[in-house]
Amino acid sequence: MDQEIIELLKKYISNNCSPNELKKVSQLMKSGNFQDEWELVLREEAAADMADDASTHDPAFDAEGVFKKINKTIKPARQIKMQPWLIGVAATLLITLSIGYLFLNNQATSFNHPAVLQLTTLAGQQKQITLADGTQIILNCRSTLTCTAQFDGNKREVYLDGEAFFNVKHDDKKPFIVHTGRLNVQVLGTSFNVQSYRADNRAVVSVASGKVGVNGAKPTSTYMLLPGDRLSYNRKNEFKKDNISIDEIMGWQKGILSFHLETIHDIVPVLERYYGITIHIDHEQKPEKQVTANFNRKTLPQVLEILSQTAGFNYVIHKNEVHIN
């Protein structure tokens, strides 16, 4: 972890940032490279608050009232059960409670910078959230969404590491912008999907309705996408535009894994996030075969068996690891 980032985030939470430091925080959130440090700071903040509460025994503290106030701004995340063996997986409760506390503390002490909300999912888990402006978001597995509790400025900005489907509430005066560290996606009101995991080799934007503008982290031009358009962006700053069906865009929300002309290297990270496993590719295939397939709530062995026949590889499953050769 970066100690400088940790100290900066601590100052942000305690409202001690200078104007220059606030700019650094904004740039940091746009980069998306702050999740580990942010979680650590929130945990420490929550632990300190709990210790203070235990020592003071404040009789004015109303736990039920706290959660009622939180719910006025953010609707409770709804976990979508995807796999039978994932029932009972716990959410990141400590982080959620810390965020709730920060939001309320902001209201009580009139901080001059907005409270930050963060939603995180685990392997095989989905969550749904409704933002203060009415925008609905479904967050896919192993993803993190960060935004302010209220959109008070002239634009609505969120920060994503992972995959999410956005149904954006229309507002002509406030564009909605998704920052991923690699892509910036801007709309006024539409529905679209963004897949941008930091560890993946590419980021993808797909449009279900309306019009979407997309540019890279170093914007040189903006791509305008319409319903059925898909734009891929790789680490070489190369864009590729093609078409995709609306069913494929929406499929993962129903537990369907859809692959369209994907290589095994593209497919492996998706399987790891969905099934909560680690996959090793022990033998490189050159050239790699491209696979097109849909899997509707299949087990991992079922998926691997079909992929092995299609892409031409062997595999071994041992506990929570898979070896492909």
C-alpha atoms as a PDB file:
ATOM      1  CA  MET A   1       0.000   0.000   0.000  1.00  0.00           C
ATOM      2  CA  ASP A   2       1.050   3.604  -0.600  1.00  0.00           C
ATOM      3  CA  GLN A   3       1.519   5.378   2.743  1.00  0.00           C
ATOM      4  CA  GLU A   4       1.277   8.799   1.090  1.00  0.00           C
ATOM      5  CA  ILE A   5      -2.169   7.923  -0.283  1.00  0.00           C
ATOM      6  CA  ILE A   6      -3.253   6.629   3.140  1.00  0.00           C
ATOM      7  CA  GLU A   7      -2.254   9.882   4.846  1.00  0.00           C
ATOM      8  CA  LEU A   8      -3.989  11.923   2.145  1.00  0.00           C
ATOM      9  CA  LEU A   9      -7.246   9.976   2.544  1.00  0.00           C
ATOM     10  CA  LYS A  10      -7.066  10.337   6.322  1.00  0.00           C
ATOM     11  CA  LYS A  11      -6.832  14.107   5.923  1.00  0.00           C
ATOM     12  CA  TYR A  12      -9.757  14.014   3.492  1.00  0.00           C
ATOM     13  CA  ILE A  13     -11.975  12.153   5.966  1.00  0.00           C
ATOM     14  CA  SER A  14     -11.025  14.486   8.828  1.00  0.00           C
ATOM     15  CA  ASN A  15     -11.687  17.583   6.680  1.00  0.00           C
ATOM     16  CA  ASN A  16      -8.079  18.783   6.887  1.00  0.00           C
ATOM     17  CA  CYS A  17      -7.226  18.836   3.175  1.00  0.00           C
ATOM     18  CA  SER A  18      -5.853  21.967   1.575  1.00  0.00           C
ATOM     19  CA  PRO A  19      -7.321  23.012  -1.811  1.00  0.00           C
ATOM     20  CA  ASN A  20      -4.306  21.434  -3.524  1.00  0.00           C
ATOM     21  CA  GLU A  21      -4.767  18.186  -1.576  1.00  0.00           C
ATOM     22  CA  LEU A  22      -8.471  18.097  -2.502  1.00  0.00           C
ATOM     23  CA  LYS A  23      -7.407  18.229  -6.154  1.00  0.00           C
ATOM     24  CA  LYS A  24      -5.076  15.281  -5.513  1.00  0.00           C
ATOM     25  CA  VAL A  25      -7.955  13.319  -3.967  1.00  0.00           C
ATOM     26  CA  SER A  26     -10.111  14.029  -7.021  1.00  0.00           C
ATOM     27  CA  GLN A  27      -7.337  12.882  -9.371  1.00  0.00           C
ATOM     28  CA  LEU A  28      -6.775   9.790  -7.249  1.00  0.00           C
ATOM     29  CA  MET A  29     -10.437   8.772  -7.461  1.00  0.00           C
ATOM     30  CA  LYS A  30     -10.444   9.274 -11.215  1.00  0.00           C
ATOM     31  CA  SER A  31      -7.419   6.971 -11.521  1.00  0.00           C
ATOM     32  CA  GLY A  32      -9.160   4.212  -9.545  1.00  0.00           C
ATOM     33  CA  ASN A  33      -5.868   3.262  -7.841  1.00  0.00           C
ATOM     34  CA  PHE A  34      -6.884   3.828  -4.243  1.00  0.00           C
ATOM     35  CA  GLN A  35      -9.173   0.961  -3.229  1.00  0.00           C
ATOM     36  CA  ASP A  36      -6.839  -0.875  -0.819  1.00  0.00           C
ATOM     37  CA  GLU A  37      -5.768   2.314   0.941  1.00  0.00           C
ATOM     38  CA  TRP A  38      -9.375   3.552   1.111  1.00  0.00           C
ATOM     39  CA  GLU A  39     -10.596   0.350   2.765  1.00  0.00           C
ATOM     40  CA  LEU A  40      -7.773   0.516   5.323  1.00  0.00           C
ATOM     41  CA  VAL A  41      -8.572   4.133   6.210  1.00  0.00           C
ATOM     42  CA  LEU A  42     -12.275   3.341   6.571  1.00  0.00           C
ATOM     43  CA  ARG A  43     -11.546   0.401   8.844  1.00  0.00           C
ATOM     44  CA  GLU A  44      -9.314   2.503  11.077  1.00  0.00           C
ATOM     45  CA  GLU A  45     -11.895   5.296  11.155  1.00  0.00           C
ATOM     46  CA  ALA A  46     -14.667   2.879  12.091  1.00  0.00           C
ATOM     47  CA  ALA A  47     -12.548   1.294  14.835  1.00  0.00           C
ATOM     48  CA  ALA A  48     -11.733   4.707  16.308  1.00  0.00           C
ATOM     49  CA  ASP A  49     -15.382   5.765  16.230  1.00  0.00           C
ATOM     50  CA  MET A  50     -16.489   2.547  17.911  1.00  0.00           C
ATOM     51  CA  ALA A  51     -13.866   3.069  20.640  1.00  0.00           C
ATOM     52  CA  ASP A  52     -15.039   6.637  21.198  1.00  0.00           C
ATOM     53  CA  ASP A  53     -18.661   5.529  21.435  1.00  0.00           C
ATOM     54  CA  ALA A  54     -17.755   2.807  23.931  1.00  0.00           C
ATOM     55  CA  SER A  55     -15.901   5.280  26.182  1.00  0.00           C
ATOM     56  CA  THR A  56     -18.481   8.069  26.093  1.00  0.00           C
ATOM     57  CA  HIS A  57     -21.710   6.025  26.046  1.00  0.00           C
ATOM     58  CA  ASP A  58     -23.486   8.871  24.291  1.00  0.00           C
ATOM     59  CA  PRO A  59     -27.192   8.514  25.208  1.00  0.00           C
ATOM     60  CA  ALA A  60     -28.208  10.632  22.218  1.00  0.00           C
ATOM     61  CA  PHE A  61     -26.978   8.035  19.726  1.00  0.00           C
ATOM     62  CA  ASP A  62     -29.934   6.452  17.939  1.00  0.00           C
ATOM     63  CA  ALA A  63     -28.892   3.437  15.831  1.00  0.00           C
ATOM     64  CA  GLU A  64     -32.318   3.028  14.240  1.00  0.00           C
ATOM     65  CA  GLY A  65     -32.408   6.701  13.345  1.00  0.00           C
ATOM     66  CA  VAL A  66     -28.960   6.441  11.777  1.00  0.00           C
ATOM     67  CA  PHE A  67     -30.027   3.722   9.352  1.00  0.00           C
ATOM     68  CA  LYS A  68     -33.245   5.569   8.530  1.00  0.00           C
ATOM     69  CA  LYS A  69     -31.207   8.612   7.542  1.00  0.00           C
ATOM     70  CA  ILE A  70     -28.869   6.509   5.417  1.00  0.00           C
ATOM     71  CA  ASN A  71     -31.806   4.945   3.599  1.00  0.00           C
ATOM     72  CA  LYS A  72     -33.169   8.364   2.646  1.00  0.00           C
ATOM     73  CA  THR A  73     -30.167   8.848   0.404  1.00  0.00           C
ATOM     74  CA  ILE A  74     -29.151   5.351  -0.637  1.00  0.00           C
ATOM     75  CA  LYS A  75     -31.452   2.387  -0.970  1.00  0.00           C
ATOM     76  CA  PRO A  76     -30.190  -0.850   0.614  1.00  0.00           C
ATOM     77  CA  ALA A  77     -28.073  -2.916  -1.735  1.00  0.00           C
ATOM     78  CA  ARG A  78     -29.950  -5.975  -2.952  1.00  0.00           C
ATOM     79  CA  GLN A  79     -27.840  -9.105  -3.277  1.00  0.00           C
ATOM     80  CA  ILE A  80     -28.796 -11.174  -6.305  1.00  0.00           C
ATOM     81  CA  LYS A  81     -28.319 -14.872  -5.613  1.00  0.00           C
ATOM     82  CA  MET A  82     -26.490 -16.388  -8.542  1.00  0.00           C
ATOM     83  CA  GLN A  83     -25.161 -19.770  -7.453  1.00  0.00           C
ATOM     84  CA  PRO A  84     -26.458 -22.182  -4.771  1.00  0.00           C
ATOM     85  CA  TRP A  85     -23.008 -22.601  -3.228  1.00  0.00           C
ATOM     86  CA  LEU A  86     -22.708 -18.836  -2.777  1.00  0.00           C
ATOM     87  CA  ILE A  87     -25.749 -18.497  -0.501  1.00  0.00           C
ATOM     88  CA  GLY A  88     -24.701 -16.955   2.763  1.00  0.00           C
ATOM     89  CA  VAL A  89     -21.599 -15.172   1.477  1.00  0.00           C
ATOM     90  CA  ALA A  90     -21.152 -12.092   3.655  1.00  0.00           C
ATOM     91  CA  ALA A  91     -20.937  -8.578   2.227  1.00  0.00           C
ATOM     92  CA  THR A  92     -18.275  -6.109   3.260  1.00  0.00           C
ATOM     93  CA  LEU A  93     -20.325  -4.893   6.216  1.00  0.00           C
ATOM     94  CA  LEU A  94     -17.608  -2.969   7.986  1.00  0.00           C
ATOM     95  CA  ILE A  95     -16.930  -0.800   4.948  1.00  0.00           C
ATOM     96  CA  THR A  96     -20.629  -0.162   4.389  1.00  0.00           C
ATOM     97  CA  LEU A  97     -21.167   0.903   8.003  1.00  0.00           C
ATOM     98  CA  SER A  98     -18.121   3.151   7.861  1.00  0.00           C
ATOM     99  CA  ILE A  99     -19.486   4.852   4.759  1.00  0.00           C
ATOM    100  CA  GLY A 100     -22.849   5.303   6.404  1.00  0.00           C
ATOM    101  CA  TYR A 101     -21.209   6.907   9.414  1.00  0.00           C
ATOM    102  CA  LEU A 102     -19.182   9.266   7.218  1.00  0.00           C
ATOM    103  CA  PHE A 103     -22.307  10.356   5.380  1.00  0.00           C
ATOM    104  CA  LEU A 104     -24.159  11.136   8.599  1.00  0.00           C
ATOM    105  CA  ASN A 105     -21.141  12.835  10.104  1.00  0.00           C
ATOM    106  CA  ASN A 106     -20.992  15.015   7.019  1.00  0.00           C
ATOM    107  CA  GLN A 107     -24.610  16.077   7.523  1.00  0.00           C
ATOM    108  CA  ALA A 108     -24.088  16.839  11.206  1.00  0.00           C
ATOM    109  CA  THR A 109     -20.878  18.877  10.917  1.00  0.00           C
ATOM    110  CA  SER A 110     -21.375  20.524   7.497  1.00  0.00           C
ATOM    111  CA  PHE A 111     -18.134  19.346   5.885  1.00  0.00           C
ATOM    112  CA  ASN A 112     -17.087  21.474   2.910  1.00  0.00           C
ATOM    113  CA  HIS A 113     -16.510  18.398   0.737  1.00  0.00           C
ATOM    114  CA  PRO A 114     -19.009  15.656  -0.123  1.00  0.00           C
ATOM    115  CA  ALA A 115     -19.235  12.365   1.736  1.00  0.00           C
ATOM    116  CA  VAL A 116     -18.064   9.375  -0.269  1.00  0.00           C
ATOM    117  CA  LEU A 117     -20.074   6.195  -0.716  1.00  0.00           C
ATOM    118  CA  GLN A 118     -18.492   2.908  -1.749  1.00  0.00           C
ATOM    119  CA  LEU A 119     -20.154  -0.356  -2.768  1.00  0.00           C
ATOM    120  CA  THR A 120     -18.133  -3.569  -3.126  1.00  0.00           C
ATOM    121  CA  THR A 121     -19.082  -7.077  -4.264  1.00  0.00           C
ATOM    122  CA  LEU A 122     -17.419 -10.433  -3.687  1.00  0.00           C
ATOM    123  CA  ALA A 123     -16.832 -13.325  -6.104  1.00  0.00           C
ATOM    124  CA  GLY A 124     -20.130 -14.580  -7.536  1.00  0.00           C
ATOM    125  CA  GLN A 125     -22.061 -11.706  -5.984  1.00  0.00           C
ATOM    126  CA  GLN A 126     -24.163  -8.902  -7.443  1.00  0.00           C
ATOM    127  CA  LYS A 127     -25.652  -5.844  -5.764  1.00  0.00           C
ATOM    128  CA  GLN A 128     -28.156  -3.236  -6.872  1.00  0.00           C
ATOM    129  CA  ILE A 129     -28.120   0.387  -5.753  1.00  0.00           C
ATOM    130  CA  THR A 130     -30.212   3.479  -6.472  1.00  0.00           C
ATOM    131  CA  LEU A 131     -28.277   6.750  -6.279  1.00  0.00           C
ATOM    132  CA  ALA A 132     -29.616  10.038  -4.942  1.00  0.00           C
ATOM    133  CA  ASP A 133     -30.529  11.234  -8.465  1.00  0.00           C
ATOM    134  CA  GLY A 134     -32.594   8.106  -9.203  1.00  0.00           C
ATOM    135  CA  THR A 135     -29.933   6.365 -11.314  1.00  0.00           C
ATOM    136  CA  GLN A 136     -30.044   2.588 -10.890  1.00  0.00           C
ATOM    137  CA  ILE A 137     -26.864   0.508 -10.953  1.00  0.00           C
ATOM    138  CA  ILE A 138     -26.299  -3.248 -10.831  1.00  0.00           C
ATOM    139  CA  LEU A 139     -22.761  -4.103  -9.743  1.00  0.00           C
ATOM    140  CA  ASN A 140     -21.241  -7.371 -10.950  1.00  0.00           C
ATOM    141  CA  CYS A 141     -18.934  -9.654  -8.951  1.00  0.00           C
ATOM    142  CA  ARG A 142     -15.600  -8.456  -7.536  1.00  0.00           C
ATOM    143  CA  SER A 143     -16.362  -4.839  -8.378  1.00  0.00           C
ATOM    144  CA  THR A 144     -16.172  -1.535  -6.518  1.00  0.00           C
ATOM    145  CA  LEU A 145     -18.255   1.570  -7.184  1.00  0.00           C
ATOM    146  CA  THR A 146     -17.359   4.890  -5.538  1.00  0.00           C
ATOM    147  CA  CYS A 147     -19.314   8.151  -5.673  1.00  0.00           C
ATOM    148  CA  THR A 148     -20.550  11.034  -3.549  1.00  0.00           C
ATOM    149  CA  ALA A 149     -23.749  10.755  -1.513  1.00  0.00           C
ATOM    150  CA  GLN A 150     -25.214  13.749  -3.333  1.00  0.00           C
ATOM    151  CA  PHE A 151     -24.479  15.208  -6.781  1.00  0.00           C
ATOM    152  CA  ASP A 152     -24.269  18.890  -5.863  1.00  0.00           C
ATOM    153  CA  GLY A 153     -22.188  20.221  -8.755  1.00  0.00           C
ATOM    154  CA  ASN A 154     -22.892  20.557 -12.467  1.00  0.00           C
ATOM    155  CA  LYS A 155     -22.124  16.896 -13.212  1.00  0.00           C
ATOM    156  CA  ARG A 156     -22.673  13.449 -11.713  1.00  0.00           C
ATOM    157  CA  GLU A 157     -19.458  11.450 -11.395  1.00  0.00           C
ATOM    158  CA  VAL A 158     -18.880   7.860 -10.267  1.00  0.00           C
ATOM    159  CA  TYR A 159     -15.732   5.735 -10.197  1.00  0.00           C
ATOM    160  CA  LEU A 160     -15.754   2.064 -11.162  1.00  0.00           C
ATOM    161  CA  ASP A 161     -13.288  -0.779 -10.834  1.00  0.00           C
ATOM    162  CA  GLY A 162     -15.073  -3.830 -12.232  1.00  0.00           C
ATOM    163  CA  GLU A 163     -18.331  -4.241 -14.103  1.00  0.00           C
ATOM    164  CA  ALA A 164     -21.679  -2.519 -13.727  1.00  0.00           C
ATOM    165  CA  PHE A 165     -24.877  -1.893 -15.655  1.00  0.00           C
ATOM    166  CA  PHE A 166     -26.148   1.696 -15.451  1.00  0.00           C
ATOM    167  CA  ASN A 167     -29.708   2.899 -15.986  1.00  0.00           C
ATOM    168  CA  VAL A 168     -29.084   6.637 -15.745  1.00  0.00           C
ATOM    169  CA  LYS A 169     -31.803   9.092 -14.743  1.00  0.00           C
ATOM    170  CA  HIS A 170     -32.052  11.734 -17.478  1.00  0.00           C
ATOM    171  CA  ASP A 171     -30.828  15.232 -16.602  1.00  0.00           C
ATOM    172  CA  ASP A 172     -29.997  17.685 -19.397  1.00  0.00           C
ATOM    173  CA  LYS A 173     -28.138  19.976 -17.005  1.00  0.00           C
ATOM    174  CA  LYS A 174     -26.010  17.336 -15.265  1.00  0.00           C
ATOM    175  CA  PRO A 175     -24.115  14.826 -17.414  1.00  0.00           C
ATOM    176  CA  PHE A 176     -23.428  11.451 -15.792  1.00  0.00           C
ATOM    177  CA  ILE A 177     -19.776  10.391 -16.055  1.00  0.00           C
ATOM    178  CA  VAL A 178     -18.227   7.008 -15.242  1.00  0.00           C
ATOM    179  CA  HIS A 179     -14.460   7.058 -14.601  1.00  0.00           C
ATOM    180  CA  THR A 180     -12.602   3.745 -14.709  1.00  0.00           C
ATOM    181  CA  GLY A 181      -8.956   4.789 -14.853  1.00  0.00           C
ATOM    182  CA  ARG A 182      -8.838   3.675 -18.488  1.00  0.00           C
ATOM    183  CA  LEU A 183     -12.123   4.953 -19.895  1.00  0.00           C
ATOM    184  CA  ASN A 184     -14.402   7.908 -19.289  1.00  0.00           C
ATOM    185  CA  VAL A 185     -18.047   7.338 -20.218  1.00  0.00           C
ATOM    186  CA  GLN A 186     -20.426  10.308 -20.416  1.00  0.00           C
ATOM    187  CA  VAL A 187     -24.216  10.351 -20.878  1.00  0.00           C
ATOM    188  CA  LEU A 188     -27.242  12.491 -20.037  1.00  0.00           C
ATOM    189  CA  GLY A 189     -29.661   9.621 -19.517  1.00  0.00           C
ATOM    190  CA  THR A 190     -29.415   6.136 -21.000  1.00  0.00           C
ATOM    191  CA  SER A 191     -28.632   2.507 -20.134  1.00  0.00           C
ATOM    192  CA  PHE A 192     -25.271   0.892 -20.751  1.00  0.00           C
ATOM    193  CA  ASN A 193     -22.745  -1.606 -19.399  1.00  0.00           C
ATOM    194  CA  VAL A 194     -19.145  -0.910 -18.415  1.00  0.00           C
ATOM    195  CA  GLN A 195     -16.587  -3.670 -17.832  1.00  0.00           C
ATOM    196  CA  SER A 196     -13.243  -2.322 -16.657  1.00  0.00           C
ATOM    197  CA  TYR A 197     -11.312  -4.413 -14.145  1.00  0.00           C
ATOM    198  CA  ARG A 198      -7.842  -3.066 -13.375  1.00  0.00           C
ATOM    199  CA  ALA A 199      -6.279  -6.527 -13.769  1.00  0.00           C
ATOM    200  CA  ASP A 200      -7.868  -7.210 -17.174  1.00  0.00           C
ATOM    201  CA  ASN A 201      -6.166  -6.490 -20.476  1.00  0.00           C
ATOM    202  CA  ARG A 202      -9.110  -4.544 -21.853  1.00  0.00           C
ATOM    203  CA  ALA A 203     -12.117  -2.438 -20.939  1.00  0.00           C
ATOM    204  CA  VAL A 204     -15.501  -2.697 -22.698  1.00  0.00           C
ATOM    205  CA  VAL A 205     -18.531  -0.401 -22.972  1.00  0.00           C
ATOM    206  CA  SER A 206     -21.822  -1.724 -24.401  1.00  0.00           C
ATOM    207  CA  VAL A 207     -24.977   0.314 -24.978  1.00  0.00           C
ATOM    208  CA  ALA A 208     -28.526  -0.934 -24.388  1.00  0.00           C
ATOM    209  CA  SER A 209     -30.400   2.339 -25.006  1.00  0.00           C
ATOM    210  CA  GLY A 210     -29.707   5.987 -25.812  1.00  0.00           C
ATOM    211  CA  LYS A 211     -26.382   7.517 -26.797  1.00  0.00           C
ATOM    212  CA  VAL A 212     -23.060   7.171 -24.969  1.00  0.00           C
ATOM    213  CA  GLY A 213     -19.797   9.091 -25.385  1.00  0.00           C
ATOM    214  CA  VAL A 214     -16.530   7.270 -24.592  1.00  0.00           C
ATOM    215  CA  ASN A 215     -12.895   8.338 -24.537  1.00  0.00           C
ATOM    216  CA  GLY A 216      -9.678   6.899 -23.148  1.00  0.00           C
ATOM    217  CA  ALA A 217      -7.740   7.961 -20.068  1.00  0.00           C
ATOM    218  CA  LYS A 218      -5.738  10.226 -22.393  1.00  0.00           C
ATOM    219  CA  PRO A 219      -8.625  11.521 -24.514  1.00  0.00           C
ATOM    220  CA  THR A 220      -7.733  12.251 -28.111  1.00  0.00           C
ATOM    221  CA  SER A 221     -11.168  11.603 -29.591  1.00  0.00           C
ATOM    222  CA  THR A 222     -14.644  10.657 -28.391  1.00  0.00           C
ATOM    223  CA  TYR A 223     -16.518   7.628 -29.696  1.00  0.00           C
ATOM    224  CA  MET A 224     -20.301   7.953 -29.855  1.00  0.00           C
ATOM    225  CA  LEU A 225     -22.113   4.664 -29.274  1.00  0.00           C
ATOM    226  CA  LEU A 226     -25.725   3.750 -30.042  1.00  0.00           C
ATOM    227  CA  PRO A 227     -27.867   0.780 -28.896  1.00  0.00           C
ATOM    228  CA  GLY A 228     -26.161  -2.503 -29.787  1.00  0.00           C
ATOM    229  CA  ASP A 229     -22.710  -0.906 -30.102  1.00  0.00           C
ATOM    230  CA  ARG A 230     -19.754  -2.271 -28.160  1.00  0.00           C
ATOM    231  CA  LEU A 231     -16.404  -0.532 -27.781  1.00  0.00           C
ATOM    232  CA  SER A 232     -13.276  -2.332 -26.529  1.00  0.00           C
ATOM    233  CA  TYR A 233     -10.152  -0.547 -25.329  1.00  0.00           C
ATOM    234  CA  ASN A 234      -6.840  -2.324 -24.631  1.00  0.00           C
ATOM    235  CA  ARG A 235      -3.625  -1.425 -22.826  1.00  0.00           C
ATOM    236  CA  LYS A 236      -2.062  -0.286 -26.105  1.00  0.00           C
ATOM    237  CA  ASN A 237      -4.660   2.512 -26.270  1.00  0.00           C
ATOM    238  CA  GLU A 238      -6.354   0.789 -29.213  1.00  0.00           C
ATOM    239  CA  PHE A 239     -10.121   0.957 -29.729  1.00  0.00           C
ATOM    240  CA  LYS A 240     -12.248  -1.671 -31.449  1.00  0.00           C
ATOM    241  CA  LYS A 241     -15.935  -1.163 -32.183  1.00  0.00           C
ATOM    242  CA  ASP A 242     -18.406  -3.928 -33.046  1.00  0.00           C
ATOM    243  CA  ASN A 243     -22.003  -4.985 -32.414  1.00  0.00           C
ATOM    244  CA  ILE A 244     -23.583  -6.989 -29.611  1.00  0.00           C
ATOM    245  CA  SER A 245     -27.145  -8.090 -28.888  1.00  0.00           C
ATOM    246  CA  ILE A 246     -29.074  -6.524 -26.015  1.00  0.00           C
ATOM    247  CA  ASP A 247     -29.534 -10.012 -24.543  1.00  0.00           C
ATOM    248  CA  GLU A 248     -25.752 -10.429 -24.351  1.00  0.00           C
ATOM    249  CA  ILE A 249     -25.377  -7.041 -22.657  1.00  0.00           C
ATOM    250  CA  MET A 250     -27.980  -7.911 -20.008  1.00  0.00           C
ATOM    251  CA  GLY A 251     -27.084 -11.602 -19.695  1.00  0.00           C
ATOM    252  CA  TRP A 252     -24.752 -11.507 -16.691  1.00  0.00           C
ATOM    253  CA  GLN A 253     -27.497  -9.960 -14.553  1.00  0.00           C
ATOM    254  CA  LYS A 254     -29.446 -13.205 -15.002  1.00  0.00           C
ATOM    255  CA  GLY A 255     -26.463 -15.441 -14.274  1.00  0.00           C
ATOM    256  CA  ILE A 256     -25.660 -15.994 -17.965  1.00  0.00           C
ATOM    257  CA  LEU A 257     -22.022 -15.979 -19.045  1.00  0.00           C
ATOM    258  CA  SER A 258     -21.778 -14.730 -22.637  1.00  0.00           C
ATOM    259  CA  PHE A 259     -18.607 -14.841 -24.715  1.00  0.00           C
ATOM    260  CA  HIS A 260     -18.390 -13.470 -28.248  1.00  0.00           C
ATOM    261  CA  LEU A 261     -15.191 -14.230 -30.183  1.00  0.00           C
ATOM    262  CA  GLU A 262     -13.198 -14.355 -26.930  1.00  0.00           C
ATOM    263  CA  THR A 263      -9.861 -16.071 -26.328  1.00  0.00           C
ATOM    264  CA  ILE A 264      -9.214 -18.257 -23.281  1.00  0.00           C
ATOM    265  CA  HIS A 265      -7.097 -15.452 -21.801  1.00  0.00           C
ATOM    266  CA  ASP A 266     -10.154 -13.184 -22.017  1.00  0.00           C
ATOM    267  CA  ILE A 267     -12.484 -15.815 -20.566  1.00  0.00           C
ATOM    268  CA  VAL A 268     -10.349 -16.921 -17.595  1.00  0.00           C
ATOM    269  CA  PRO A 269     -10.745 -13.711 -15.500  1.00  0.00           C
ATOM    270  CA  VAL A 270     -14.533 -13.869 -15.952  1.00  0.00           C
ATOM    271  CA  LEU A 271     -14.659 -17.451 -14.675  1.00  0.00           C
ATOM    272  CA  GLU A 272     -12.390 -16.615 -11.732  1.00  0.00           C
ATOM    273  CA  ARG A 273     -14.665 -13.784 -10.608  1.00  0.00           C
ATOM    274  CA  TYR A 274     -17.885 -15.705 -11.166  1.00  0.00           C
ATOM    275  CA  TYR A 275     -16.908 -18.975  -9.485  1.00  0.00           C
ATOM    276  CA  GLY A 276     -14.418 -17.612  -6.938  1.00  0.00           C
ATOM    277  CA  ILE A 277     -11.514 -19.772  -8.120  1.00  0.00           C
ATOM    278  CA  THR A 278      -7.980 -19.398  -9.488  1.00  0.00           C
ATOM    279  CA  ILE A 279      -7.168 -20.604 -13.008  1.00  0.00           C
ATOM    280  CA  HIS A 280      -3.628 -21.243 -14.248  1.00  0.00           C
ATOM    281  CA  ILE A 281      -2.806 -21.502 -17.946  1.00  0.00           C
ATOM    282  CA  ASP A 282       0.189 -23.842 -17.987  1.00  0.00           C
ATOM    283  CA  HIS A 283       0.681 -24.005 -21.728  1.00  0.00           C
ATOM    284  CA  GLU A 284       0.333 -21.091 -24.138  1.00  0.00           C
ATOM    285  CA  GLN A 285      -1.670 -21.701 -27.303  1.00  0.00           C
ATOM    286  CA  LYS A 286      -0.486 -19.909 -30.434  1.00  0.00           C
ATOM    287  CA  PRO A 287      -2.592 -18.743 -32.065  1.00  0.00           C
ATOM    288  CA  GLU A 288      -5.431 -18.806 -29.556  1.00  0.00           C
ATOM    289  CA  LYS A 289      -8.826 -19.920 -30.772  1.00  0.00           C
ATOM    290  CA  GLN A 290     -11.728 -17.511 -30.406  1.00  0.00           C
ATOM    291  CA  VAL A 291     -14.800 -18.827 -28.631  1.00  0.00           C
ATOM    292  CA  THR A 292     -18.453 -17.806 -28.857  1.00  0.00           C
ATOM    293  CA  ALA A 293     -20.686 -19.398 -26.223  1.00  0.00           C
ATOM    294  CA  ASN A 294     -23.460 -18.748 -23.684  1.00  0.00           C
ATOM    295  CA  PHE A 295     -23.696 -20.548 -20.337  1.00  0.00           C
ATOM    296  CA  ASN A 296     -26.955 -20.251 -18.416  1.00  0.00           C
ATOM    297  CA  ARG A 297     -26.215 -20.944 -14.731  1.00  0.00           C
ATOM    298  CA  LYS A 298     -23.877 -23.831 -15.510  1.00  0.00           C
ATOM    299  CA  THR A 299     -21.499 -25.349 -12.975  1.00  0.00           C
ATOM    300  CA  LEU A 300     -17.766 -24.802 -13.396  1.00  0.00           C
ATOM    301  CA  PRO A 301     -17.094 -28.389 -14.607  1.00  0.00           C
ATOM    302  CA  GLN A 302     -19.870 -28.040 -17.204  1.00  0.00           C
ATOM    303  CA  VAL A 303     -18.416 -24.772 -18.508  1.00  0.00           C
ATOM    304  CA  LEU A 304     -14.853 -26.076 -18.628  1.00  0.00           C
ATOM    305  CA  GLU A 305     -15.892 -29.246 -20.430  1.00  0.00           C
ATOM    306  CA  ILE A 306     -17.579 -27.291 -23.224  1.00  0.00           C
ATOM    307  CA  LEU A 307     -14.752 -24.750 -23.477  1.00  0.00           C
ATOM    308  CA  SER A 308     -12.102 -27.473 -23.583  1.00  0.00           C
ATOM    309  CA  GLN A 309     -13.816 -29.104 -26.549  1.00  0.00           C
ATOM    310  CA  THR A 310     -14.320 -25.786 -28.334  1.00  0.00           C
ATOM    311  CA  ALA A 311     -10.907 -24.225 -27.713  1.00  0.00           C
ATOM    312  CA  GLY A 312      -8.930 -27.471 -27.649  1.00  0.00           C
ATOM    313  CA  PHE A 313      -7.320 -27.723 -24.226  1.00  0.00           C
ATOM    314  CA  ASN A 314      -7.151 -30.103 -21.263  1.00  0.00           C
ATOM    315  CA  TYR A 315      -7.829 -29.104 -17.682  1.00  0.00           C
ATOM    316  CA  VAL A 316      -7.567 -30.372 -14.117  1.00  0.00           C
ATOM    317  CA  ILE A 317      -9.690 -29.133 -11.191  1.00  0.00           C
ATOM    318  CA  HIS A 318      -8.115 -29.381  -7.738  1.00  0.00           C
ATOM    319  CA  LYS A 319     -10.065 -27.771  -4.890  1.00  0.00           C
ATOM    320  CA  ASN A 320     -10.324 -24.064  -5.756  1.00  0.00           C
ATOM    321  CA  GLU A 321      -7.770 -24.129  -8.548  1.00  0.00           C
ATOM    322  CA  VAL A 322      -7.916 -25.090 -12.214  1.00  0.00           C
ATOM    323  CA  HIS A 323      -4.919 -25.889 -14.419  1.00  0.00           C
ATOM    324  CA  ILE A 324      -5.332 -25.544 -18.189  1.00  0.00           C
ATOM    325  CA  ASN A 325      -2.801 -27.110 -20.541  1.00  0.00           C
END
